[in-house]
Amino acid sequence: EEPTFVPHDDIFCVFDGRVVEVVDDENASDFGRHIVIEHTWPRSGEKFFTLYAHLAEISVSGSVVSGQRIGKMGQTARSADARNWMAIAPHLHIEVRDVEGRAYEPVEFLSRFLSPSF
């Protein structure tokens, strides 16, 4: 039998933003309970989006977030197979996408985000 682990990690938004989607029904999506936040790069004004998925709980009240706790890591998903797999390897699924829906390459995103000229 595989060991199981129940995560209890708090999840925080990566940048100030506006909540654009909250899915609290774990059976409604392959992402389980999840939240999508819209952000704006300070200097360019370009928008980008972050997705936080497989959450055990979502704790956002209101539409504006600013570095706060937005939920708790979980093991939620529509698929029973995915839930079984996450019982062994729980994780936060996070994506960062531009307005066209294209994913940022993580190193590029962090370089841009951490750069003083973003």
PDB file of N, CA and C in Angstrom:
ATOM      1  N   GLU A   1       0.843  -1.182   0.000  1.00  0.00           N
ATOM      2  CA  GLU A   1       0.000   0.000   0.000  1.00  0.00           C
ATOM      3  C   GLU A   1       0.886   1.242   0.000  1.00  0.00           C
ATOM      4  N   GLU A   2       0.504   2.199  -0.845  1.00  0.00           N
ATOM      5  CA  GLU A   2       1.253   3.454  -0.936  1.00  0.00           C
ATOM      6  C   GLU A   2       0.949   4.340   0.280  1.00  0.00           C
ATOM      7  N   PRO A   3       1.954   5.057   0.766  1.00  0.00           N
ATOM      8  CA  PRO A   3       1.691   5.995   1.862  1.00  0.00           C
ATOM      9  C   PRO A   3       0.847   7.165   1.351  1.00  0.00           C
ATOM     10  N   THR A   4       0.066   7.730   2.218  1.00  0.00           N
ATOM     11  CA  THR A   4      -0.702   8.916   1.841  1.00  0.00           C
ATOM     12  C   THR A   4      -0.268  10.078   2.707  1.00  0.00           C
ATOM     13  N   PHE A   5      -0.476  11.254   2.195  1.00  0.00           N
ATOM     14  CA  PHE A   5      -0.071  12.469   2.882  1.00  0.00           C
ATOM     15  C   PHE A   5      -1.171  13.495   2.656  1.00  0.00           C
ATOM     16  N   VAL A   6      -1.645  14.111   3.704  1.00  0.00           N
ATOM     17  CA  VAL A   6      -2.656  15.155   3.575  1.00  0.00           C
ATOM     18  C   VAL A   6      -1.968  16.499   3.774  1.00  0.00           C
ATOM     19  N   PRO A   7      -1.897  17.295   2.716  1.00  0.00           N
ATOM     20  CA  PRO A   7      -1.208  18.582   2.819  1.00  0.00           C
ATOM     21  C   PRO A   7      -2.031  19.586   3.625  1.00  0.00           C
ATOM     22  N   HIS A   8      -1.340  20.452   4.319  1.00  0.00           N
ATOM     23  CA  HIS A   8      -2.009  21.492   5.102  1.00  0.00           C
ATOM     24  C   HIS A   8      -1.399  22.860   4.797  1.00  0.00           C
ATOM     25  N   ASP A   9      -0.693  22.993   3.674  1.00  0.00           N
ATOM     26  CA  ASP A   9       0.006  24.228   3.349  1.00  0.00           C
ATOM     27  C   ASP A   9      -0.960  25.326   2.929  1.00  0.00           C
ATOM     28  N   ASP A  10      -0.748  26.519   3.474  1.00  0.00           N
ATOM     29  CA  ASP A  10      -1.514  27.678   3.040  1.00  0.00           C
ATOM     30  C   ASP A  10      -0.992  28.141   1.682  1.00  0.00           C
ATOM     31  N   ILE A  11      -1.897  28.635   0.850  1.00  0.00           N
ATOM     32  CA  ILE A  11      -1.553  29.131  -0.481  1.00  0.00           C
ATOM     33  C   ILE A  11      -1.797  30.636  -0.501  1.00  0.00           C
ATOM     34  N   PHE A  12      -0.829  31.376  -1.029  1.00  0.00           N
ATOM     35  CA  PHE A  12      -0.906  32.829  -1.120  1.00  0.00           C
ATOM     36  C   PHE A  12      -0.816  33.244  -2.586  1.00  0.00           C
ATOM     37  N   CYS A  13      -1.462  34.346  -2.938  1.00  0.00           N
ATOM     38  CA  CYS A  13      -1.366  34.831  -4.317  1.00  0.00           C
ATOM     39  C   CYS A  13       0.044  35.389  -4.540  1.00  0.00           C
ATOM     40  N   VAL A  14       0.533  35.249  -5.773  1.00  0.00           N
ATOM     41  CA  VAL A  14       1.904  35.659  -6.081  1.00  0.00           C
ATOM     42  C   VAL A  14       2.051  37.158  -6.270  1.00  0.00           C
ATOM     43  N   PHE A  15       0.923  37.845  -6.508  1.00  0.00           N
ATOM     44  CA  PHE A  15       0.976  39.271  -6.834  1.00  0.00           C
ATOM     45  C   PHE A  15      -0.418  39.840  -6.612  1.00  0.00           C
ATOM     46  N   ASP A  16      -0.511  41.110  -6.343  1.00  0.00           N
ATOM     47  CA  ASP A  16      -1.819  41.745  -6.167  1.00  0.00           C
ATOM     48  C   ASP A  16      -2.673  41.531  -7.406  1.00  0.00           C
ATOM     49  N   GLY A  17      -3.966  41.402  -7.211  1.00  0.00           N
ATOM     50  CA  GLY A  17      -4.819  41.206  -8.370  1.00  0.00           C
ATOM     51  C   GLY A  17      -6.296  41.189  -8.038  1.00  0.00           C
ATOM     52  N   ARG A  18      -7.060  40.769  -9.039  1.00  0.00           N
ATOM     53  CA  ARG A  18      -8.515  40.715  -8.960  1.00  0.00           C
ATOM     54  C   ARG A  18      -8.966  39.291  -9.245  1.00  0.00           C
ATOM     55  N   VAL A  19      -9.788  38.753  -8.380  1.00  0.00           N
ATOM     56  CA  VAL A  19     -10.312  37.400  -8.560  1.00  0.00           C
ATOM     57  C   VAL A  19     -11.277  37.407  -9.743  1.00  0.00           C
ATOM     58  N   VAL A  20     -11.012  36.534 -10.729  1.00  0.00           N
ATOM     59  CA  VAL A  20     -11.890  36.468 -11.899  1.00  0.00           C
ATOM     60  C   VAL A  20     -12.641  35.151 -11.994  1.00  0.00           C
ATOM     61  N   GLU A  21     -12.210  34.136 -11.230  1.00  0.00           N
ATOM     62  CA  GLU A  21     -12.926  32.861 -11.248  1.00  0.00           C
ATOM     63  C   GLU A  21     -12.658  32.107  -9.953  1.00  0.00           C
ATOM     64  N   VAL A  22     -13.730  31.587  -9.369  1.00  0.00           N
ATOM     65  CA  VAL A  22     -13.632  30.706  -8.215  1.00  0.00           C
ATOM     66  C   VAL A  22     -14.508  29.496  -8.509  1.00  0.00           C
ATOM     67  N   VAL A  23     -13.917  28.316  -8.476  1.00  0.00           N
ATOM     68  CA  VAL A  23     -14.681  27.077  -8.654  1.00  0.00           C
ATOM     69  C   VAL A  23     -14.549  26.300  -7.347  1.00  0.00           C
ATOM     70  N   ASP A  24     -15.643  26.261  -6.598  1.00  0.00           N
ATOM     71  CA  ASP A  24     -15.624  25.618  -5.288  1.00  0.00           C
ATOM     72  C   ASP A  24     -16.165  24.193  -5.331  1.00  0.00           C
ATOM     73  N   ASP A  25     -16.640  23.750  -6.499  1.00  0.00           N
ATOM     74  CA  ASP A  25     -17.140  22.381  -6.665  1.00  0.00           C
ATOM     75  C   ASP A  25     -16.013  21.542  -7.254  1.00  0.00           C
ATOM     76  N   GLU A  26     -15.448  20.641  -6.447  1.00  0.00           N
ATOM     77  CA  GLU A  26     -14.293  19.876  -6.909  1.00  0.00           C
ATOM     78  C   GLU A  26     -14.614  18.969  -8.089  1.00  0.00           C
ATOM     79  N   ASN A  27     -15.887  18.668  -8.310  1.00  0.00           N
ATOM     80  CA  ASN A  27     -16.275  17.795  -9.420  1.00  0.00           C
ATOM     81  C   ASN A  27     -16.552  18.553 -10.712  1.00  0.00           C
ATOM     82  N   ALA A  28     -16.447  19.869 -10.688  1.00  0.00           N
ATOM     83  CA  ALA A  28     -16.761  20.683 -11.858  1.00  0.00           C
ATOM     84  C   ALA A  28     -15.582  20.809 -12.824  1.00  0.00           C
ATOM     85  N   SER A  29     -14.388  20.405 -12.399  1.00  0.00           N
ATOM     86  CA  SER A  29     -13.203  20.654 -13.219  1.00  0.00           C
ATOM     87  C   SER A  29     -12.112  19.632 -12.924  1.00  0.00           C
ATOM     88  N   ASP A  30     -11.273  19.380 -13.929  1.00  0.00           N
ATOM     89  CA  ASP A  30     -10.087  18.552 -13.701  1.00  0.00           C
ATOM     90  C   ASP A  30      -9.147  19.216 -12.698  1.00  0.00           C
ATOM     91  N   PHE A  31      -9.269  20.537 -12.532  1.00  0.00           N
ATOM     92  CA  PHE A  31      -8.455  21.275 -11.563  1.00  0.00           C
ATOM     93  C   PHE A  31      -9.035  21.212 -10.157  1.00  0.00           C
ATOM     94  N   GLY A  32     -10.179  20.546  -9.978  1.00  0.00           N
ATOM     95  CA  GLY A  32     -10.817  20.509  -8.664  1.00  0.00           C
ATOM     96  C   GLY A  32     -11.207  21.905  -8.230  1.00  0.00           C
ATOM     97  N   ARG A  33     -11.136  22.147  -6.917  1.00  0.00           N
ATOM     98  CA  ARG A  33     -11.387  23.508  -6.434  1.00  0.00           C
ATOM     99  C   ARG A  33     -10.224  24.374  -6.900  1.00  0.00           C
ATOM    100  N   HIS A  34     -10.562  25.503  -7.541  1.00  0.00           N
ATOM    101  CA  HIS A  34      -9.482  26.368  -8.021  1.00  0.00           C
ATOM    102  C   HIS A  34      -9.916  27.825  -8.079  1.00  0.00           C
ATOM    103  N   ILE A  35      -8.916  28.677  -8.232  1.00  0.00           N
ATOM    104  CA  ILE A  35      -9.140  30.111  -8.306  1.00  0.00           C
ATOM    105  C   ILE A  35      -8.230  30.684  -9.394  1.00  0.00           C
ATOM    106  N   VAL A  36      -8.751  31.677 -10.125  1.00  0.00           N
ATOM    107  CA  VAL A  36      -7.971  32.388 -11.147  1.00  0.00           C
ATOM    108  C   VAL A  36      -7.950  33.863 -10.755  1.00  0.00           C
ATOM    109  N   ILE A  37      -6.754  34.442 -10.779  1.00  0.00           N
ATOM    110  CA  ILE A  37      -6.582  35.845 -10.410  1.00  0.00           C
ATOM    111  C   ILE A  37      -5.951  36.588 -11.588  1.00  0.00           C
ATOM    112  N   GLU A  38      -6.503  37.754 -11.891  1.00  0.00           N
ATOM    113  CA  GLU A  38      -5.966  38.630 -12.945  1.00  0.00           C
ATOM    114  C   GLU A  38      -5.033  39.646 -12.289  1.00  0.00           C
ATOM    115  N   HIS A  39      -3.865  39.834 -12.881  1.00  0.00           N
ATOM    116  CA  HIS A  39      -2.862  40.774 -12.373  1.00  0.00           C
ATOM    117  C   HIS A  39      -2.479  41.752 -13.477  1.00  0.00           C
ATOM    118  N   THR A  40      -1.858  42.851 -13.091  1.00  0.00           N
ATOM    119  CA  THR A  40      -1.372  43.840 -14.056  1.00  0.00           C
ATOM    120  C   THR A  40       0.087  44.150 -13.755  1.00  0.00           C
ATOM    121  N   TRP A  41       0.950  43.993 -14.791  1.00  0.00           N
ATOM    122  CA  TRP A  41       2.351  44.375 -14.626  1.00  0.00           C
ATOM    123  C   TRP A  41       2.380  45.875 -14.340  1.00  0.00           C
ATOM    124  N   PRO A  42       3.078  46.317 -13.291  1.00  0.00           N
ATOM    125  CA  PRO A  42       3.033  47.733 -12.887  1.00  0.00           C
ATOM    126  C   PRO A  42       3.454  48.736 -13.956  1.00  0.00           C
ATOM    127  N   ARG A  43       4.532  48.517 -14.637  1.00  0.00           N
ATOM    128  CA  ARG A  43       5.009  49.533 -15.586  1.00  0.00           C
ATOM    129  C   ARG A  43       4.333  49.442 -16.947  1.00  0.00           C
ATOM    130  N   SER A  44       4.171  48.242 -17.463  1.00  0.00           N
ATOM    131  CA  SER A  44       3.621  48.098 -18.821  1.00  0.00           C
ATOM    132  C   SER A  44       2.100  48.123 -18.849  1.00  0.00           C
ATOM    133  N   GLY A  45       1.469  47.771 -17.734  1.00  0.00           N
ATOM    134  CA  GLY A  45       0.013  47.703 -17.709  1.00  0.00           C
ATOM    135  C   GLY A  45      -0.547  46.444 -18.342  1.00  0.00           C
ATOM    136  N   GLU A  46       0.339  45.552 -18.813  1.00  0.00           N
ATOM    137  CA  GLU A  46      -0.126  44.286 -19.400  1.00  0.00           C
ATOM    138  C   GLU A  46      -0.743  43.421 -18.321  1.00  0.00           C
ATOM    139  N   LYS A  47      -1.735  42.653 -18.712  1.00  0.00           N
ATOM    140  CA  LYS A  47      -2.400  41.754 -17.777  1.00  0.00           C
ATOM    141  C   LYS A  47      -1.796  40.352 -17.877  1.00  0.00           C
ATOM    142  N   PHE A  48      -1.829  39.626 -16.765  1.00  0.00           N
ATOM    143  CA  PHE A  48      -1.497  38.209 -16.757  1.00  0.00           C
ATOM    144  C   PHE A  48      -2.379  37.540 -15.712  1.00  0.00           C
ATOM    145  N   PHE A  49      -2.473  36.226 -15.772  1.00  0.00           N
ATOM    146  CA  PHE A  49      -3.385  35.481 -14.917  1.00  0.00           C
ATOM    147  C   PHE A  49      -2.655  34.350 -14.212  1.00  0.00           C
ATOM    148  N   THR A  50      -3.042  34.097 -12.953  1.00  0.00           N
ATOM    149  CA  THR A  50      -2.514  32.941 -12.240  1.00  0.00           C
ATOM    150  C   THR A  50      -3.677  32.026 -11.869  1.00  0.00           C
ATOM    151  N   LEU A  51      -3.436  30.735 -11.984  1.00  0.00           N
ATOM    152  CA  LEU A  51      -4.404  29.700 -11.635  1.00  0.00           C
ATOM    153  C   LEU A  51      -3.804  28.888 -10.492  1.00  0.00           C
ATOM    154  N   TYR A  52      -4.579  28.663  -9.444  1.00  0.00           N
ATOM    155  CA  TYR A  52      -4.164  27.857  -8.299  1.00  0.00           C
ATOM    156  C   TYR A  52      -5.179  26.717  -8.201  1.00  0.00           C
ATOM    157  N   ALA A  53      -4.734  25.466  -8.370  1.00  0.00           N
ATOM    158  CA  ALA A  53      -5.677  24.352  -8.515  1.00  0.00           C
ATOM    159  C   ALA A  53      -5.443  23.243  -7.493  1.00  0.00           C
ATOM    160  N   HIS A  54      -6.457  22.387  -7.363  1.00  0.00           N
ATOM    161  CA  HIS A  54      -6.497  21.218  -6.478  1.00  0.00           C
ATOM    162  C   HIS A  54      -6.576  21.628  -5.010  1.00  0.00           C
ATOM    163  N   LEU A  55      -7.192  22.769  -4.735  1.00  0.00           N
ATOM    164  CA  LEU A  55      -7.243  23.301  -3.382  1.00  0.00           C
ATOM    165  C   LEU A  55      -8.234  22.543  -2.495  1.00  0.00           C
ATOM    166  N   ALA A  56      -7.887  22.400  -1.233  1.00  0.00           N
ATOM    167  CA  ALA A  56      -8.798  21.807  -0.249  1.00  0.00           C
ATOM    168  C   ALA A  56      -9.857  22.823   0.140  1.00  0.00           C
ATOM    169  N   GLU A  57      -9.446  24.078   0.188  1.00  0.00           N
ATOM    170  CA  GLU A  57     -10.385  25.148   0.511  1.00  0.00           C
ATOM    171  C   GLU A  57      -9.962  26.423  -0.183  1.00  0.00           C
ATOM    172  N   ILE A  58     -10.931  27.260  -0.444  1.00  0.00           N
ATOM    173  CA  ILE A  58     -10.690  28.585  -1.014  1.00  0.00           C
ATOM    174  C   ILE A  58     -11.141  29.588   0.029  1.00  0.00           C
ATOM    175  N   SER A  59     -10.275  30.517   0.370  1.00  0.00           N
ATOM    176  CA  SER A  59     -10.587  31.446   1.461  1.00  0.00           C
ATOM    177  C   SER A  59     -10.537  32.894   1.003  1.00  0.00           C
ATOM    178  N   VAL A  60     -10.992  33.155  -0.209  1.00  0.00           N
ATOM    179  CA  VAL A  60     -11.007  34.518  -0.735  1.00  0.00           C
ATOM    180  C   VAL A  60     -12.364  35.128  -0.432  1.00  0.00           C
ATOM    181  N   SER A  61     -12.335  36.292   0.186  1.00  0.00           N
ATOM    182  CA  SER A  61     -13.581  37.027   0.362  1.00  0.00           C
ATOM    183  C   SER A  61     -13.389  38.362  -0.344  1.00  0.00           C
ATOM    184  N   GLY A  62     -14.247  38.631  -1.293  1.00  0.00           N
ATOM    185  CA  GLY A  62     -14.108  39.845  -2.082  1.00  0.00           C
ATOM    186  C   GLY A  62     -13.387  39.570  -3.375  1.00  0.00           C
ATOM    187  N   SER A  63     -13.222  40.617  -4.167  1.00  0.00           N
ATOM    188  CA  SER A  63     -12.654  40.416  -5.491  1.00  0.00           C
ATOM    189  C   SER A  63     -11.215  40.888  -5.617  1.00  0.00           C
ATOM    190  N   VAL A  64     -10.685  41.581  -4.616  1.00  0.00           N
ATOM    191  CA  VAL A  64      -9.315  42.089  -4.703  1.00  0.00           C
ATOM    192  C   VAL A  64      -8.440  41.323  -3.714  1.00  0.00           C
ATOM    193  N   VAL A  65      -7.280  40.862  -4.193  1.00  0.00           N
ATOM    194  CA  VAL A  65      -6.323  40.177  -3.333  1.00  0.00           C
ATOM    195  C   VAL A  65      -5.006  40.935  -3.353  1.00  0.00           C
ATOM    196  N   SER A  66      -4.316  40.910  -2.227  1.00  0.00           N
ATOM    197  CA  SER A  66      -3.061  41.635  -2.115  1.00  0.00           C
ATOM    198  C   SER A  66      -2.116  40.874  -1.195  1.00  0.00           C
ATOM    199  N   GLY A  67      -1.456  39.846  -1.737  1.00  0.00           N
ATOM    200  CA  GLY A  67      -0.481  39.078  -0.976  1.00  0.00           C
ATOM    201  C   GLY A  67      -1.058  38.226   0.133  1.00  0.00           C
ATOM    202  N   GLN A  68      -2.337  38.025   0.135  1.00  0.00           N
ATOM    203  CA  GLN A  68      -2.974  37.307   1.236  1.00  0.00           C
ATOM    204  C   GLN A  68      -3.136  35.826   0.955  1.00  0.00           C
ATOM    205  N   ARG A  69      -3.493  35.105   1.999  1.00  0.00           N
ATOM    206  CA  ARG A  69      -3.807  33.689   1.888  1.00  0.00           C
ATOM    207  C   ARG A  69      -5.082  33.562   1.056  1.00  0.00           C
ATOM    208  N   ILE A  70      -5.043  32.689   0.051  1.00  0.00           N
ATOM    209  CA  ILE A  70      -6.223  32.507  -0.795  1.00  0.00           C
ATOM    210  C   ILE A  70      -6.818  31.118  -0.653  1.00  0.00           C
ATOM    211  N   GLY A  71      -6.117  30.225   0.047  1.00  0.00           N
ATOM    212  CA  GLY A  71      -6.659  28.885   0.218  1.00  0.00           C
ATOM    213  C   GLY A  71      -5.669  27.962   0.880  1.00  0.00           C
ATOM    214  N   LYS A  72      -5.996  26.676   0.787  1.00  0.00           N
ATOM    215  CA  LYS A  72      -5.160  25.634   1.389  1.00  0.00           C
ATOM    216  C   LYS A  72      -4.940  24.540   0.348  1.00  0.00           C
ATOM    217  N   MET A  73      -3.691  24.066   0.259  1.00  0.00           N
ATOM    218  CA  MET A  73      -3.369  23.003  -0.680  1.00  0.00           C
ATOM    219  C   MET A  73      -4.244  21.794  -0.416  1.00  0.00           C
ATOM    220  N   GLY A  74      -4.639  21.133  -1.497  1.00  0.00           N
ATOM    221  CA  GLY A  74      -5.510  19.981  -1.330  1.00  0.00           C
ATOM    222  C   GLY A  74      -5.228  18.886  -2.326  1.00  0.00           C
ATOM    223  N   GLN A  75      -6.238  18.077  -2.538  1.00  0.00           N
ATOM    224  CA  GLN A  75      -6.123  16.922  -3.426  1.00  0.00           C
ATOM    225  C   GLN A  75      -7.414  16.773  -4.235  1.00  0.00           C
ATOM    226  N   THR A  76      -8.011  17.908  -4.611  1.00  0.00           N
ATOM    227  CA  THR A  76      -9.304  17.866  -5.284  1.00  0.00           C
ATOM    228  C   THR A  76      -9.136  17.806  -6.801  1.00  0.00           C
ATOM    229  N   ALA A  77     -10.040  17.059  -7.425  1.00  0.00           N
ATOM    230  CA  ALA A  77     -10.097  16.940  -8.888  1.00  0.00           C
ATOM    231  C   ALA A  77     -11.390  16.213  -9.233  1.00  0.00           C
ATOM    232  N   ARG A  78     -11.828  16.380 -10.469  1.00  0.00           N
ATOM    233  CA  ARG A  78     -13.024  15.677 -10.922  1.00  0.00           C
ATOM    234  C   ARG A  78     -12.761  14.183 -11.041  1.00  0.00           C
ATOM    235  N   SER A  79     -11.567  13.813 -11.462  1.00  0.00           N
ATOM    236  CA  SER A  79     -11.201  12.434 -11.738  1.00  0.00           C
ATOM    237  C   SER A  79     -10.792  11.681 -10.468  1.00  0.00           C
ATOM    238  N   ALA A  80     -11.384  10.517 -10.265  1.00  0.00           N
ATOM    239  CA  ALA A  80     -10.987   9.677  -9.125  1.00  0.00           C
ATOM    240  C   ALA A  80      -9.533   9.247  -9.251  1.00  0.00           C
ATOM    241  N   ASP A  81      -9.072   8.974 -10.481  1.00  0.00           N
ATOM    242  CA  ASP A  81      -7.670   8.598 -10.691  1.00  0.00           C
ATOM    243  C   ASP A  81      -6.734   9.716 -10.244  1.00  0.00           C
ATOM    244  N   ALA A  82      -7.082  10.946 -10.582  1.00  0.00           N
ATOM    245  CA  ALA A  82      -6.252  12.087 -10.188  1.00  0.00           C
ATOM    246  C   ALA A  82      -6.235  12.223  -8.662  1.00  0.00           C
ATOM    247  N   ARG A  83      -7.376  12.070  -8.029  1.00  0.00           N
ATOM    248  CA  ARG A  83      -7.425  12.150  -6.559  1.00  0.00           C
ATOM    249  C   ARG A  83      -6.576  11.056  -5.927  1.00  0.00           C
ATOM    250  N   ASN A  84      -6.627   9.844  -6.475  1.00  0.00           N
ATOM    251  CA  ASN A  84      -5.802   8.745  -5.959  1.00  0.00           C
ATOM    252  C   ASN A  84      -4.319   9.053  -6.111  1.00  0.00           C
ATOM    253  N   TRP A  85      -3.935   9.601  -7.262  1.00  0.00           N
ATOM    254  CA  TRP A  85      -2.538   9.947  -7.502  1.00  0.00           C
ATOM    255  C   TRP A  85      -2.094  11.048  -6.541  1.00  0.00           C
ATOM    256  N   MET A  86      -2.959  12.047  -6.307  1.00  0.00           N
ATOM    257  CA  MET A  86      -2.599  13.152  -5.407  1.00  0.00           C
ATOM    258  C   MET A  86      -2.546  12.714  -3.951  1.00  0.00           C
ATOM    259  N   ALA A  87      -3.167  11.596  -3.600  1.00  0.00           N
ATOM    260  CA  ALA A  87      -3.047  11.073  -2.236  1.00  0.00           C
ATOM    261  C   ALA A  87      -1.609  10.654  -1.964  1.00  0.00           C
ATOM    262  N   ILE A  88      -0.901  10.274  -3.023  1.00  0.00           N
ATOM    263  CA  ILE A  88       0.499   9.867  -2.907  1.00  0.00           C
ATOM    264  C   ILE A  88       1.428  11.060  -3.148  1.00  0.00           C
ATOM    265  N   ALA A  89       1.055  11.932  -4.081  1.00  0.00           N
ATOM    266  CA  ALA A  89       1.903  13.061  -4.463  1.00  0.00           C
ATOM    267  C   ALA A  89       1.090  14.357  -4.513  1.00  0.00           C
ATOM    268  N   PRO A  90       0.637  14.846  -3.347  1.00  0.00           N
ATOM    269  CA  PRO A  90      -0.147  16.082  -3.347  1.00  0.00           C
ATOM    270  C   PRO A  90       0.702  17.255  -3.813  1.00  0.00           C
ATOM    271  N   HIS A  91       0.050  18.215  -4.430  1.00  0.00           N
ATOM    272  CA  HIS A  91       0.788  19.365  -4.949  1.00  0.00           C
ATOM    273  C   HIS A  91      -0.167  20.520  -5.219  1.00  0.00           C
ATOM    274  N   LEU A  92       0.388  21.675  -5.352  1.00  0.00           N
ATOM    275  CA  LEU A  92      -0.342  22.830  -5.851  1.00  0.00           C
ATOM    276  C   LEU A  92      -0.067  22.904  -7.333  1.00  0.00           C
ATOM    277  N   HIS A  93      -1.106  22.909  -8.142  1.00  0.00           N
ATOM    278  CA  HIS A  93      -0.953  23.126  -9.582  1.00  0.00           C
ATOM    279  C   HIS A  93      -1.116  24.622  -9.778  1.00  0.00           C
ATOM    280  N   ILE A  94      -0.062  25.281 -10.280  1.00  0.00           N
ATOM    281  CA  ILE A  94      -0.128  26.718 -10.530  1.00  0.00           C
ATOM    282  C   ILE A  94       0.275  26.967 -11.968  1.00  0.00           C
ATOM    283  N   GLU A  95      -0.465  27.833 -12.626  1.00  0.00           N
ATOM    284  CA  GLU A  95      -0.144  28.242 -13.988  1.00  0.00           C
ATOM    285  C   GLU A  95      -0.125  29.753 -14.035  1.00  0.00           C
ATOM    286  N   VAL A  96       0.725  30.293 -14.901  1.00  0.00           N
ATOM    287  CA  VAL A  96       0.773  31.728 -15.160  1.00  0.00           C
ATOM    288  C   VAL A  96       0.620  31.896 -16.664  1.00  0.00           C
ATOM    289  N   ARG A  97      -0.398  32.664 -17.074  1.00  0.00           N
ATOM    290  CA  ARG A  97      -0.705  32.825 -18.497  1.00  0.00           C
ATOM    291  C   ARG A  97      -0.866  34.300 -18.843  1.00  0.00           C
ATOM    292  N   ASP A  98      -0.589  34.613 -20.114  1.00  0.00           N
ATOM    293  CA  ASP A  98      -0.796  35.977 -20.585  1.00  0.00           C
ATOM    294  C   ASP A  98      -2.249  36.146 -21.040  1.00  0.00           C
ATOM    295  N   VAL A  99      -2.597  37.320 -21.554  1.00  0.00           N
ATOM    296  CA  VAL A  99      -3.990  37.582 -21.948  1.00  0.00           C
ATOM    297  C   VAL A  99      -4.439  36.722 -23.120  1.00  0.00           C
ATOM    298  N   GLU A 100      -3.496  36.191 -23.887  1.00  0.00           N
ATOM    299  CA  GLU A 100      -3.824  35.312 -25.004  1.00  0.00           C
ATOM    300  C   GLU A 100      -3.984  33.858 -24.559  1.00  0.00           C
ATOM    301  N   GLY A 101      -3.752  33.615 -23.271  1.00  0.00           N
ATOM    302  CA  GLY A 101      -3.872  32.261 -22.750  1.00  0.00           C
ATOM    303  C   GLY A 101      -2.608  31.429 -22.872  1.00  0.00           C
ATOM    304  N   ARG A 102      -1.521  32.046 -23.317  1.00  0.00           N
ATOM    305  CA  ARG A 102      -0.248  31.326 -23.455  1.00  0.00           C
ATOM    306  C   ARG A 102       0.452  31.263 -22.099  1.00  0.00           C
ATOM    307  N   ALA A 103       0.979  30.087 -21.792  1.00  0.00           N
ATOM    308  CA  ALA A 103       1.680  29.896 -20.520  1.00  0.00           C
ATOM    309  C   ALA A 103       3.045  30.571 -20.564  1.00  0.00           C
ATOM    310  N   TYR A 104       3.410  31.196 -19.465  1.00  0.00           N
ATOM    311  CA  TYR A 104       4.769  31.718 -19.317  1.00  0.00           C
ATOM    312  C   TYR A 104       5.682  30.552 -18.985  1.00  0.00           C
ATOM    313  N   GLU A 105       6.869  30.567 -19.520  1.00  0.00           N
ATOM    314  CA  GLU A 105       7.897  29.622 -19.115  1.00  0.00           C
ATOM    315  C   GLU A 105       8.317  30.088 -17.720  1.00  0.00           C
ATOM    316  N   PRO A 106       8.382  29.194 -16.723  1.00  0.00           N
ATOM    317  CA  PRO A 106       8.600  29.632 -15.331  1.00  0.00           C
ATOM    318  C   PRO A 106       9.823  30.512 -15.105  1.00  0.00           C
ATOM    319  N   VAL A 107      10.964  30.179 -15.683  1.00  0.00           N
ATOM    320  CA  VAL A 107      12.159  30.992 -15.463  1.00  0.00           C
ATOM    321  C   VAL A 107      11.975  32.383 -16.069  1.00  0.00           C
ATOM    322  N   GLU A 108      11.356  32.440 -17.244  1.00  0.00           N
ATOM    323  CA  GLU A 108      11.082  33.741 -17.875  1.00  0.00           C
ATOM    324  C   GLU A 108      10.164  34.574 -16.984  1.00  0.00           C
ATOM    325  N   PHE A 109       9.122  33.943 -16.460  1.00  0.00           N
ATOM    326  CA  PHE A 109       8.185  34.661 -15.596  1.00  0.00           C
ATOM    327  C   PHE A 109       8.892  35.195 -14.357  1.00  0.00           C
ATOM    328  N   LEU A 110       9.662  34.338 -13.676  1.00  0.00           N
ATOM    329  CA  LEU A 110      10.351  34.779 -12.468  1.00  0.00           C
ATOM    330  C   LEU A 110      11.370  35.853 -12.770  1.00  0.00           C
ATOM    331  N   SER A 111      12.078  35.744 -13.883  1.00  0.00           N
ATOM    332  CA  SER A 111      13.048  36.780 -14.248  1.00  0.00           C
ATOM    333  C   SER A 111      12.348  38.106 -14.463  1.00  0.00           C
ATOM    334  N   ARG A 112      11.217  38.045 -15.148  1.00  0.00           N
ATOM    335  CA  ARG A 112      10.476  39.269 -15.427  1.00  0.00           C
ATOM    336  C   ARG A 112       9.865  39.828 -14.140  1.00  0.00           C
ATOM    337  N   PHE A 113       9.299  38.924 -13.336  1.00  0.00           N
ATOM    338  CA  PHE A 113       8.641  39.344 -12.107  1.00  0.00           C
ATOM    339  C   PHE A 113       9.641  39.929 -11.112  1.00  0.00           C
ATOM    340  N   LEU A 114      10.818  39.339 -11.038  1.00  0.00           N
ATOM    341  CA  LEU A 114      11.809  39.781 -10.072  1.00  0.00           C
ATOM    342  C   LEU A 114      12.656  40.945 -10.572  1.00  0.00           C
ATOM    343  N   SER A 115      12.529  41.262 -11.858  1.00  0.00           N
ATOM    344  CA  SER A 115      13.300  42.355 -12.443  1.00  0.00           C
ATOM    345  C   SER A 115      12.759  43.706 -11.969  1.00  0.00           C
ATOM    346  N   PRO A 116      13.656  44.657 -11.646  1.00  0.00           N
ATOM    347  CA  PRO A 116      13.177  45.966 -11.202  1.00  0.00           C
ATOM    348  C   PRO A 116      12.489  46.761 -12.321  1.00  0.00           C
ATOM    349  N   SER A 117      12.599  46.305 -13.577  1.00  0.00           N
ATOM    350  CA  SER A 117      12.013  47.069 -14.680  1.00  0.00           C
ATOM    351  C   SER A 117      10.717  46.473 -15.185  1.00  0.00           C
ATOM    352  N   PHE A 118      10.112  45.527 -14.425  1.00  0.00           N
ATOM    353  CA  PHE A 118       8.890  44.899 -14.912  1.00  0.00           C
ATOM    354  C   PHE A 118       7.783  45.909 -14.973  1.00  0.00           C
TER     355      PHE A 118
END
